[in-house]
Amino acid sequence: LGLSGPPGAGKSTFIECFGKMLTERGHKVSVLAVDPSSSTSGGSLLGDKTRMTELSRDMNAYIRPSPTRGTLGGVTRTTNEAILLCEGGGYDVVLVETVGVGQSEFAVADMVDMFILVLPPAGGDELQGIKRGIIEMADLVAINKADGDLIVPARRIQAEYVSAMKLLRKRSKVWRPKV
C-alpha cells in the first residue's frame, strides 16, 4: 500500500495504528518511510520511525526510513526494489509512506496494489478534489482526524470528495475510488 498526503495529515500515526492491527492479526509488516532531503545540506531527518514507537518495537514489523536525495515523485530512486526485497523477506504487507507534499508526489501509485491519499478534515474544498495529479491517482481517500470537533468538517470534506471523484476519469473498470 502506498500512502501520501500533506504534512500533518497523520500518515505516520495512521501507519502505526494500522500496522499494529495487522501484526496483531499475524501479518508481517514492512514500512518504507520516505523523507525529503534538504537541497542545501543534502540531509534528511528520517524521523518517521521515532513517531511509530510501538510498531518499531514489534518483532513482526520492520521500519526503514529513507531520504529522497533529490528524487522527485515522493519516493526514492530505489523504493521499488526495496518493496521487492521486503516481499522476498517474508513481509506480506508493505506500507510505503511518501514524502507527501503536493499534487505530484504519486510515483508510488505505479509500485503498489493500492494508493491511499490521507487528508486532514481541512483538506480543501471540492475544487481541490478535481485538481489533476495526486487525487486522480488515489484508490482510496482517507479523511483522517475525524473525531471530536473535527467530525463535522470531516464529513463535509468526505461528501465534497465523493462528489468530486465522480468527475474524474476512471482508471479501472472494476474499482471505484472510495472516500
N, C-alpha and C. Protein backbone atom coordinates (compact mmCIF):
# COMPACT_ATOMS: atom_id res chain seq x y z
N LEU A 1 0.85 -1.18 0.00
CA LEU A 1 0.00 0.00 0.00
C LEU A 1 0.89 1.24 0.00
N GLY A 2 0.55 2.19 -0.84
CA GLY A 2 1.25 3.46 -0.85
C GLY A 2 0.38 4.49 -0.16
N LEU A 3 0.99 5.31 0.69
CA LEU A 3 0.25 6.35 1.41
C LEU A 3 0.92 7.69 1.20
N SER A 4 0.09 8.68 0.88
CA SER A 4 0.60 10.03 0.71
C SER A 4 -0.43 10.99 1.28
N GLY A 5 -0.04 12.23 1.41
CA GLY A 5 -0.91 13.27 1.93
C GLY A 5 -0.09 14.44 2.40
N PRO A 6 -0.73 15.54 2.70
CA PRO A 6 0.01 16.72 3.12
C PRO A 6 0.64 16.52 4.50
N PRO A 7 1.68 17.32 4.79
CA PRO A 7 2.28 17.25 6.13
C PRO A 7 1.22 17.51 7.20
N GLY A 8 1.26 16.72 8.26
CA GLY A 8 0.31 16.90 9.35
C GLY A 8 -1.01 16.17 9.17
N ALA A 9 -1.17 15.44 8.08
CA ALA A 9 -2.42 14.70 7.84
C ALA A 9 -2.55 13.50 8.77
N GLY A 10 -1.43 13.05 9.33
CA GLY A 10 -1.46 11.91 10.24
C GLY A 10 -1.07 10.61 9.59
N LYS A 11 -0.23 10.66 8.55
CA LYS A 11 0.18 9.45 7.84
C LYS A 11 0.92 8.49 8.77
N SER A 12 1.90 8.98 9.50
CA SER A 12 2.70 8.12 10.38
C SER A 12 1.85 7.54 11.51
N THR A 13 0.99 8.35 12.08
CA THR A 13 0.11 7.87 13.15
C THR A 13 -0.84 6.81 12.61
N PHE A 14 -1.39 7.03 11.43
CA PHE A 14 -2.25 6.04 10.80
C PHE A 14 -1.48 4.74 10.56
N ILE A 15 -0.26 4.86 10.02
CA ILE A 15 0.53 3.67 9.73
C ILE A 15 0.83 2.89 11.01
N GLU A 16 1.14 3.59 12.09
CA GLU A 16 1.43 2.88 13.34
C GLU A 16 0.20 2.11 13.82
N CYS A 17 -0.95 2.74 13.83
CA CYS A 17 -2.18 2.06 14.29
C CYS A 17 -2.55 0.91 13.36
N PHE A 18 -2.51 1.16 12.07
CA PHE A 18 -2.86 0.13 11.08
C PHE A 18 -1.85 -1.01 11.12
N GLY A 19 -0.56 -0.67 11.21
CA GLY A 19 0.49 -1.67 11.28
C GLY A 19 0.36 -2.56 12.51
N LYS A 20 0.06 -1.96 13.66
CA LYS A 20 -0.14 -2.75 14.89
C LYS A 20 -1.34 -3.68 14.74
N MET A 21 -2.42 -3.19 14.15
CA MET A 21 -3.59 -4.03 13.94
C MET A 21 -3.21 -5.23 13.05
N LEU A 22 -2.44 -4.98 12.02
CA LEU A 22 -2.04 -6.06 11.12
C LEU A 22 -1.14 -7.08 11.81
N THR A 23 -0.16 -6.61 12.59
CA THR A 23 0.73 -7.56 13.26
C THR A 23 -0.02 -8.37 14.32
N GLU A 24 -0.99 -7.76 14.97
CA GLU A 24 -1.81 -8.48 15.95
C GLU A 24 -2.63 -9.57 15.28
N ARG A 25 -2.89 -9.41 13.98
CA ARG A 25 -3.64 -10.43 13.22
C ARG A 25 -2.71 -11.41 12.52
N GLY A 26 -1.43 -11.37 12.86
CA GLY A 26 -0.49 -12.36 12.34
C GLY A 26 0.28 -11.97 11.09
N HIS A 27 0.13 -10.75 10.63
CA HIS A 27 0.85 -10.32 9.43
C HIS A 27 2.25 -9.83 9.79
N LYS A 28 3.15 -9.93 8.82
CA LYS A 28 4.47 -9.31 8.93
C LYS A 28 4.41 -8.04 8.10
N VAL A 29 4.70 -6.92 8.73
CA VAL A 29 4.52 -5.60 8.11
C VAL A 29 5.86 -4.90 7.94
N SER A 30 6.07 -4.38 6.75
CA SER A 30 7.24 -3.57 6.46
C SER A 30 6.77 -2.16 6.13
N VAL A 31 7.43 -1.18 6.70
CA VAL A 31 7.12 0.23 6.42
C VAL A 31 8.34 0.88 5.80
N LEU A 32 8.17 1.40 4.60
CA LEU A 32 9.22 2.15 3.92
C LEU A 32 8.79 3.61 3.95
N ALA A 33 9.43 4.39 4.82
CA ALA A 33 9.05 5.79 5.01
C ALA A 33 10.06 6.69 4.30
N VAL A 34 9.57 7.53 3.42
CA VAL A 34 10.43 8.40 2.62
C VAL A 34 10.38 9.81 3.18
N ASP A 35 11.55 10.36 3.45
CA ASP A 35 11.67 11.72 3.97
C ASP A 35 12.36 12.61 2.94
N PRO A 36 11.96 13.88 2.88
CA PRO A 36 12.62 14.79 1.93
C PRO A 36 14.05 15.06 2.35
N SER A 37 14.89 15.29 1.36
CA SER A 37 16.28 15.68 1.61
C SER A 37 16.40 17.18 1.41
N SER A 38 17.22 17.79 2.21
CA SER A 38 17.47 19.23 2.10
C SER A 38 18.24 19.53 0.83
N SER A 39 17.78 20.53 0.08
CA SER A 39 18.52 20.93 -1.12
C SER A 39 19.79 21.69 -0.73
N THR A 40 19.87 22.16 0.51
CA THR A 40 21.04 22.89 0.98
C THR A 40 22.11 21.95 1.52
N SER A 41 21.72 21.13 2.50
CA SER A 41 22.71 20.26 3.15
C SER A 41 22.71 18.84 2.60
N GLY A 42 21.61 18.43 1.95
CA GLY A 42 21.50 17.06 1.46
C GLY A 42 21.02 16.08 2.52
N GLY A 43 20.90 16.55 3.76
CA GLY A 43 20.49 15.68 4.86
C GLY A 43 18.98 15.52 4.96
N SER A 44 18.57 14.49 5.74
CA SER A 44 17.16 14.22 6.00
C SER A 44 16.99 13.93 7.48
N LEU A 45 15.81 14.23 8.00
CA LEU A 45 15.54 13.96 9.42
C LEU A 45 15.33 12.47 9.69
N LEU A 46 14.68 11.77 8.77
CA LEU A 46 14.37 10.35 8.92
C LEU A 46 13.67 10.09 10.26
N GLY A 47 12.69 10.94 10.57
CA GLY A 47 12.03 10.89 11.86
C GLY A 47 10.79 10.04 11.94
N ASP A 48 10.34 9.45 10.83
CA ASP A 48 9.09 8.69 10.87
C ASP A 48 9.15 7.52 11.84
N LYS A 49 10.31 6.87 11.92
CA LYS A 49 10.44 5.72 12.80
C LYS A 49 10.23 6.13 14.27
N THR A 50 10.67 7.32 14.62
CA THR A 50 10.50 7.78 16.00
C THR A 50 9.04 8.09 16.32
N ARG A 51 8.23 8.35 15.29
CA ARG A 51 6.81 8.59 15.51
C ARG A 51 6.01 7.30 15.55
N MET A 52 6.65 6.19 15.23
CA MET A 52 5.98 4.88 15.26
C MET A 52 6.63 4.02 16.34
N THR A 53 6.61 4.52 17.57
CA THR A 53 7.36 3.87 18.65
C THR A 53 6.89 2.45 18.94
N GLU A 54 5.59 2.23 19.00
CA GLU A 54 5.10 0.88 19.29
C GLU A 54 5.40 -0.08 18.15
N LEU A 55 5.14 0.36 16.93
CA LEU A 55 5.36 -0.50 15.77
C LEU A 55 6.85 -0.80 15.60
N SER A 56 7.71 0.16 15.93
CA SER A 56 9.16 -0.06 15.76
C SER A 56 9.69 -1.11 16.73
N ARG A 57 8.98 -1.37 17.81
CA ARG A 57 9.38 -2.40 18.77
C ARG A 57 8.72 -3.75 18.50
N ASP A 58 7.83 -3.80 17.53
CA ASP A 58 7.09 -5.03 17.20
C ASP A 58 8.00 -5.96 16.39
N MET A 59 8.16 -7.19 16.85
CA MET A 59 9.04 -8.16 16.18
C MET A 59 8.53 -8.55 14.79
N ASN A 60 7.26 -8.30 14.49
CA ASN A 60 6.70 -8.62 13.18
C ASN A 60 6.61 -7.40 12.27
N ALA A 61 7.36 -6.37 12.63
CA ALA A 61 7.36 -5.14 11.83
C ALA A 61 8.79 -4.70 11.56
N TYR A 62 8.97 -4.10 10.41
CA TYR A 62 10.26 -3.54 10.01
C TYR A 62 9.97 -2.15 9.47
N ILE A 63 10.69 -1.15 9.98
CA ILE A 63 10.51 0.23 9.52
C ILE A 63 11.84 0.73 8.99
N ARG A 64 11.81 1.20 7.75
CA ARG A 64 13.02 1.70 7.12
C ARG A 64 12.78 3.10 6.57
N PRO A 65 13.28 4.13 7.28
CA PRO A 65 13.21 5.47 6.71
C PRO A 65 14.33 5.67 5.67
N SER A 66 14.01 6.38 4.59
CA SER A 66 14.99 6.63 3.54
C SER A 66 14.85 8.06 3.03
N PRO A 67 15.97 8.69 2.69
CA PRO A 67 15.92 10.06 2.14
C PRO A 67 15.65 10.03 0.63
N THR A 68 15.02 11.09 0.14
CA THR A 68 14.75 11.17 -1.31
C THR A 68 16.03 11.42 -2.10
N ARG A 69 16.96 12.14 -1.51
CA ARG A 69 18.21 12.50 -2.18
C ARG A 69 17.95 13.14 -3.54
N GLY A 70 16.93 13.99 -3.58
CA GLY A 70 16.64 14.74 -4.80
C GLY A 70 15.71 14.05 -5.79
N THR A 71 15.31 12.80 -5.51
CA THR A 71 14.38 12.11 -6.40
C THR A 71 13.00 12.73 -6.27
N LEU A 72 12.35 13.01 -7.39
CA LEU A 72 11.01 13.59 -7.37
C LEU A 72 9.96 12.50 -7.39
N GLY A 73 8.72 12.85 -7.05
CA GLY A 73 7.62 11.90 -7.09
C GLY A 73 7.23 11.36 -5.73
N GLY A 74 7.94 11.75 -4.66
CA GLY A 74 7.57 11.34 -3.31
C GLY A 74 8.22 10.07 -2.83
N VAL A 75 9.05 9.43 -3.66
CA VAL A 75 9.72 8.18 -3.27
C VAL A 75 11.23 8.33 -3.51
N THR A 76 11.98 7.26 -3.24
CA THR A 76 13.41 7.28 -3.52
C THR A 76 13.67 6.58 -4.84
N ARG A 77 14.88 6.67 -5.30
CA ARG A 77 15.28 6.02 -6.55
C ARG A 77 15.16 4.51 -6.45
N THR A 78 15.24 3.96 -5.23
CA THR A 78 15.24 2.50 -5.05
C THR A 78 14.00 1.98 -4.31
N THR A 79 12.95 2.76 -4.22
CA THR A 79 11.75 2.31 -3.49
C THR A 79 11.17 1.03 -4.07
N ASN A 80 11.08 0.95 -5.38
CA ASN A 80 10.50 -0.25 -5.99
C ASN A 80 11.31 -1.50 -5.63
N GLU A 81 12.63 -1.39 -5.67
CA GLU A 81 13.48 -2.52 -5.32
C GLU A 81 13.33 -2.86 -3.84
N ALA A 82 13.21 -1.84 -2.99
CA ALA A 82 13.02 -2.07 -1.55
C ALA A 82 11.71 -2.82 -1.27
N ILE A 83 10.66 -2.49 -2.02
CA ILE A 83 9.39 -3.21 -1.89
C ILE A 83 9.60 -4.69 -2.21
N LEU A 84 10.28 -4.96 -3.30
CA LEU A 84 10.53 -6.35 -3.71
C LEU A 84 11.37 -7.10 -2.67
N LEU A 85 12.36 -6.43 -2.10
CA LEU A 85 13.18 -7.06 -1.05
C LEU A 85 12.35 -7.39 0.18
N CYS A 86 11.47 -6.48 0.57
CA CYS A 86 10.61 -6.73 1.73
C CYS A 86 9.68 -7.91 1.47
N GLU A 87 9.10 -7.95 0.28
CA GLU A 87 8.24 -9.09 -0.07
C GLU A 87 9.03 -10.38 -0.06
N GLY A 88 10.23 -10.35 -0.63
CA GLY A 88 11.09 -11.53 -0.65
C GLY A 88 11.53 -11.95 0.74
N GLY A 89 11.59 -10.99 1.67
CA GLY A 89 11.98 -11.26 3.05
C GLY A 89 10.83 -11.77 3.91
N GLY A 90 9.67 -11.99 3.29
CA GLY A 90 8.56 -12.57 4.03
C GLY A 90 7.55 -11.59 4.60
N TYR A 91 7.69 -10.32 4.28
CA TYR A 91 6.70 -9.33 4.74
C TYR A 91 5.51 -9.38 3.79
N ASP A 92 4.35 -9.73 4.33
CA ASP A 92 3.17 -9.88 3.46
C ASP A 92 2.41 -8.57 3.28
N VAL A 93 2.73 -7.56 4.07
CA VAL A 93 2.15 -6.23 3.88
C VAL A 93 3.31 -5.23 3.87
N VAL A 94 3.39 -4.46 2.79
CA VAL A 94 4.41 -3.41 2.69
C VAL A 94 3.69 -2.08 2.57
N LEU A 95 3.98 -1.18 3.50
CA LEU A 95 3.39 0.16 3.51
C LEU A 95 4.48 1.15 3.11
N VAL A 96 4.22 1.95 2.08
CA VAL A 96 5.18 2.95 1.62
C VAL A 96 4.59 4.32 1.92
N GLU A 97 5.24 5.04 2.83
CA GLU A 97 4.81 6.40 3.15
C GLU A 97 5.66 7.37 2.34
N THR A 98 5.01 8.10 1.45
CA THR A 98 5.75 9.03 0.59
C THR A 98 6.04 10.32 1.32
N VAL A 99 6.87 11.14 0.68
CA VAL A 99 7.15 12.48 1.19
C VAL A 99 5.83 13.21 1.40
N GLY A 100 4.94 13.11 0.42
CA GLY A 100 3.58 13.64 0.55
C GLY A 100 3.45 15.12 0.73
N VAL A 101 3.94 15.89 -0.19
CA VAL A 101 3.88 17.33 -0.01
C VAL A 101 3.28 18.08 -1.19
N GLY A 102 2.40 17.47 -1.95
CA GLY A 102 1.81 18.23 -3.04
C GLY A 102 1.02 17.40 -4.02
N GLN A 103 0.74 18.00 -5.17
CA GLN A 103 -0.11 17.38 -6.18
C GLN A 103 0.63 16.38 -7.06
N SER A 104 1.97 16.31 -6.98
CA SER A 104 2.69 15.46 -7.92
C SER A 104 3.49 14.34 -7.26
N GLU A 105 3.28 14.09 -5.99
CA GLU A 105 4.03 13.04 -5.30
C GLU A 105 3.24 11.73 -5.33
N PHE A 106 3.10 11.15 -6.51
CA PHE A 106 2.31 9.93 -6.63
C PHE A 106 3.02 8.85 -7.44
N ALA A 107 4.33 8.91 -7.58
CA ALA A 107 5.06 7.88 -8.30
C ALA A 107 4.83 6.51 -7.68
N VAL A 108 4.57 6.47 -6.39
CA VAL A 108 4.34 5.21 -5.69
C VAL A 108 3.09 4.49 -6.20
N ALA A 109 2.15 5.21 -6.78
CA ALA A 109 0.90 4.60 -7.27
C ALA A 109 1.17 3.49 -8.27
N ASP A 110 2.26 3.60 -9.03
CA ASP A 110 2.60 2.57 -10.01
C ASP A 110 3.40 1.42 -9.41
N MET A 111 3.72 1.51 -8.11
CA MET A 111 4.53 0.48 -7.46
C MET A 111 3.73 -0.40 -6.51
N VAL A 112 2.50 0.00 -6.23
CA VAL A 112 1.72 -0.67 -5.18
C VAL A 112 0.38 -1.16 -5.70
N ASP A 113 -0.26 -2.02 -4.91
CA ASP A 113 -1.58 -2.53 -5.27
C ASP A 113 -2.67 -1.51 -4.99
N MET A 114 -2.47 -0.67 -3.98
CA MET A 114 -3.46 0.34 -3.64
C MET A 114 -2.75 1.61 -3.18
N PHE A 115 -3.21 2.75 -3.71
CA PHE A 115 -2.65 4.05 -3.35
C PHE A 115 -3.68 4.80 -2.53
N ILE A 116 -3.29 5.16 -1.30
CA ILE A 116 -4.19 5.82 -0.35
C ILE A 116 -3.73 7.25 -0.14
N LEU A 117 -4.65 8.18 -0.33
CA LEU A 117 -4.39 9.59 -0.05
C LEU A 117 -5.01 9.92 1.29
N VAL A 118 -4.19 10.31 2.26
CA VAL A 118 -4.64 10.64 3.60
C VAL A 118 -4.75 12.16 3.69
N LEU A 119 -5.96 12.63 4.05
CA LEU A 119 -6.21 14.08 4.14
C LEU A 119 -6.75 14.45 5.51
N PRO A 120 -6.39 15.62 6.01
CA PRO A 120 -7.00 16.11 7.25
C PRO A 120 -8.38 16.68 6.95
N PRO A 121 -9.22 16.87 7.96
CA PRO A 121 -10.57 17.41 7.73
C PRO A 121 -10.57 18.78 7.04
N ALA A 122 -9.50 19.51 7.16
CA ALA A 122 -9.41 20.80 6.48
C ALA A 122 -8.60 20.64 5.20
N GLY A 123 -8.89 19.57 4.46
CA GLY A 123 -8.11 19.22 3.28
C GLY A 123 -8.50 19.94 2.01
N GLY A 124 -9.26 20.98 2.08
CA GLY A 124 -9.63 21.73 0.88
C GLY A 124 -11.08 21.50 0.51
N ASP A 125 -11.54 22.26 -0.46
CA ASP A 125 -12.93 22.14 -0.89
C ASP A 125 -13.02 21.26 -2.12
N GLU A 126 -14.17 21.20 -2.71
CA GLU A 126 -14.39 20.32 -3.86
C GLU A 126 -13.46 20.66 -5.02
N LEU A 127 -13.09 21.93 -5.17
CA LEU A 127 -12.17 22.29 -6.24
C LEU A 127 -10.82 21.60 -6.06
N GLN A 128 -10.39 21.44 -4.81
CA GLN A 128 -9.16 20.71 -4.55
C GLN A 128 -9.32 19.27 -5.05
N GLY A 129 -10.52 18.72 -4.89
CA GLY A 129 -10.78 17.34 -5.25
C GLY A 129 -10.72 17.06 -6.73
N ILE A 130 -10.92 18.08 -7.57
CA ILE A 130 -10.90 17.82 -9.01
C ILE A 130 -9.59 18.23 -9.66
N LYS A 131 -8.63 18.70 -8.86
CA LYS A 131 -7.31 19.01 -9.43
C LYS A 131 -6.69 17.72 -9.94
N ARG A 132 -6.09 17.82 -11.09
CA ARG A 132 -5.42 16.66 -11.65
C ARG A 132 -4.14 16.40 -10.85
N GLY A 133 -3.71 15.20 -10.86
CA GLY A 133 -2.49 14.85 -10.14
C GLY A 133 -2.77 13.78 -9.11
N ILE A 134 -2.34 14.05 -7.92
CA ILE A 134 -2.38 13.04 -6.86
C ILE A 134 -3.80 12.53 -6.57
N ILE A 135 -4.78 13.39 -6.65
CA ILE A 135 -6.14 12.99 -6.30
C ILE A 135 -6.72 12.00 -7.31
N GLU A 136 -6.43 12.21 -8.58
CA GLU A 136 -6.97 11.27 -9.57
C GLU A 136 -6.23 9.94 -9.56
N MET A 137 -5.09 9.86 -8.89
CA MET A 137 -4.34 8.60 -8.78
C MET A 137 -4.79 7.77 -7.58
N ALA A 138 -5.51 8.37 -6.65
CA ALA A 138 -5.88 7.69 -5.41
C ALA A 138 -6.92 6.59 -5.63
N ASP A 139 -6.66 5.44 -5.01
CA ASP A 139 -7.63 4.34 -5.00
C ASP A 139 -8.56 4.49 -3.79
N LEU A 140 -8.06 5.18 -2.78
CA LEU A 140 -8.81 5.41 -1.55
C LEU A 140 -8.39 6.76 -1.00
N VAL A 141 -9.36 7.57 -0.62
CA VAL A 141 -9.09 8.83 0.06
C VAL A 141 -9.57 8.66 1.50
N ALA A 142 -8.64 8.76 2.44
CA ALA A 142 -8.97 8.59 3.85
C ALA A 142 -8.94 9.95 4.53
N ILE A 143 -10.09 10.38 5.04
CA ILE A 143 -10.16 11.63 5.80
C ILE A 143 -9.79 11.27 7.23
N ASN A 144 -8.64 11.73 7.66
CA ASN A 144 -8.08 11.37 8.96
C ASN A 144 -8.47 12.41 10.01
N LYS A 145 -8.24 12.10 11.26
CA LYS A 145 -8.50 13.02 12.38
C LYS A 145 -9.98 13.39 12.46
N ALA A 146 -10.85 12.45 12.10
CA ALA A 146 -12.30 12.71 12.04
C ALA A 146 -12.94 12.37 13.37
N ASP A 147 -12.60 13.14 14.40
CA ASP A 147 -13.21 12.92 15.72
C ASP A 147 -13.34 14.25 16.45
N GLY A 148 -14.03 14.23 17.56
CA GLY A 148 -14.20 15.45 18.35
C GLY A 148 -14.81 16.58 17.55
N ASP A 149 -14.21 17.75 17.68
CA ASP A 149 -14.69 18.94 16.98
C ASP A 149 -14.51 18.85 15.47
N LEU A 150 -13.70 17.92 15.02
CA LEU A 150 -13.41 17.82 13.58
C LEU A 150 -14.35 16.87 12.84
N ILE A 151 -15.28 16.23 13.52
CA ILE A 151 -16.15 15.26 12.85
C ILE A 151 -17.04 15.92 11.80
N VAL A 152 -17.57 17.11 12.10
CA VAL A 152 -18.43 17.79 11.13
C VAL A 152 -17.64 18.24 9.90
N PRO A 153 -16.49 18.92 10.08
CA PRO A 153 -15.71 19.27 8.89
C PRO A 153 -15.25 18.03 8.12
N ALA A 154 -14.94 16.94 8.82
CA ALA A 154 -14.50 15.71 8.15
C ALA A 154 -15.62 15.14 7.29
N ARG A 155 -16.83 15.13 7.79
CA ARG A 155 -17.95 14.61 6.99
C ARG A 155 -18.23 15.52 5.79
N ARG A 156 -18.06 16.82 5.97
CA ARG A 156 -18.26 17.75 4.85
C ARG A 156 -17.22 17.52 3.77
N ILE A 157 -15.95 17.39 4.17
CA ILE A 157 -14.88 17.13 3.20
C ILE A 157 -15.10 15.79 2.51
N GLN A 158 -15.55 14.80 3.27
CA GLN A 158 -15.83 13.50 2.67
C GLN A 158 -16.88 13.63 1.57
N ALA A 159 -17.96 14.32 1.86
CA ALA A 159 -19.03 14.49 0.88
C ALA A 159 -18.52 15.24 -0.35
N GLU A 160 -17.69 16.26 -0.14
CA GLU A 160 -17.15 17.03 -1.26
C GLU A 160 -16.23 16.18 -2.13
N TYR A 161 -15.42 15.35 -1.50
CA TYR A 161 -14.52 14.49 -2.28
C TYR A 161 -15.27 13.38 -3.00
N VAL A 162 -16.31 12.83 -2.38
CA VAL A 162 -17.15 11.83 -3.07
C VAL A 162 -17.72 12.45 -4.33
N SER A 163 -18.23 13.66 -4.22
CA SER A 163 -18.79 14.36 -5.37
C SER A 163 -17.73 14.65 -6.43
N ALA A 164 -16.57 15.13 -5.99
CA ALA A 164 -15.50 15.49 -6.92
C ALA A 164 -14.94 14.26 -7.63
N MET A 165 -14.85 13.13 -6.93
CA MET A 165 -14.28 11.92 -7.53
C MET A 165 -15.14 11.40 -8.68
N LYS A 166 -16.43 11.72 -8.66
CA LYS A 166 -17.31 11.29 -9.74
C LYS A 166 -16.97 11.97 -11.06
N LEU A 167 -16.30 13.12 -10.98
CA LEU A 167 -15.96 13.88 -12.18
C LEU A 167 -14.66 13.42 -12.83
N LEU A 168 -13.89 12.61 -12.12
CA LEU A 168 -12.60 12.18 -12.63
C LEU A 168 -12.75 10.94 -13.51
N ARG A 169 -11.87 10.83 -14.48
CA ARG A 169 -11.87 9.67 -15.37
C ARG A 169 -11.49 8.43 -14.56
N LYS A 170 -12.18 7.36 -14.81
CA LYS A 170 -11.93 6.11 -14.09
C LYS A 170 -10.66 5.45 -14.60
N ARG A 171 -9.83 4.98 -13.67
CA ARG A 171 -8.59 4.28 -14.02
C ARG A 171 -8.80 2.79 -14.14
N SER A 172 -9.89 2.28 -13.57
CA SER A 172 -10.13 0.84 -13.56
C SER A 172 -11.59 0.56 -13.88
N LYS A 173 -11.81 -0.55 -14.55
CA LYS A 173 -13.19 -0.95 -14.84
C LYS A 173 -13.83 -1.65 -13.66
N VAL A 174 -13.02 -2.13 -12.72
CA VAL A 174 -13.56 -2.92 -11.60
C VAL A 174 -13.51 -2.21 -10.25
N TRP A 175 -12.74 -1.14 -10.13
CA TRP A 175 -12.62 -0.46 -8.84
C TRP A 175 -12.99 1.01 -8.96
N ARG A 176 -13.85 1.44 -8.10
CA ARG A 176 -14.18 2.86 -7.98
C ARG A 176 -13.52 3.40 -6.72
N PRO A 177 -12.74 4.46 -6.83
CA PRO A 177 -12.09 5.01 -5.63
C PRO A 177 -13.13 5.33 -4.55
N LYS A 178 -12.78 5.03 -3.33
CA LYS A 178 -13.64 5.27 -2.18
C LYS A 178 -13.12 6.45 -1.38
N VAL A 179 -14.01 7.12 -0.68
CA VAL A 179 -13.63 8.21 0.22
C VAL A 179 -14.15 7.86 1.59
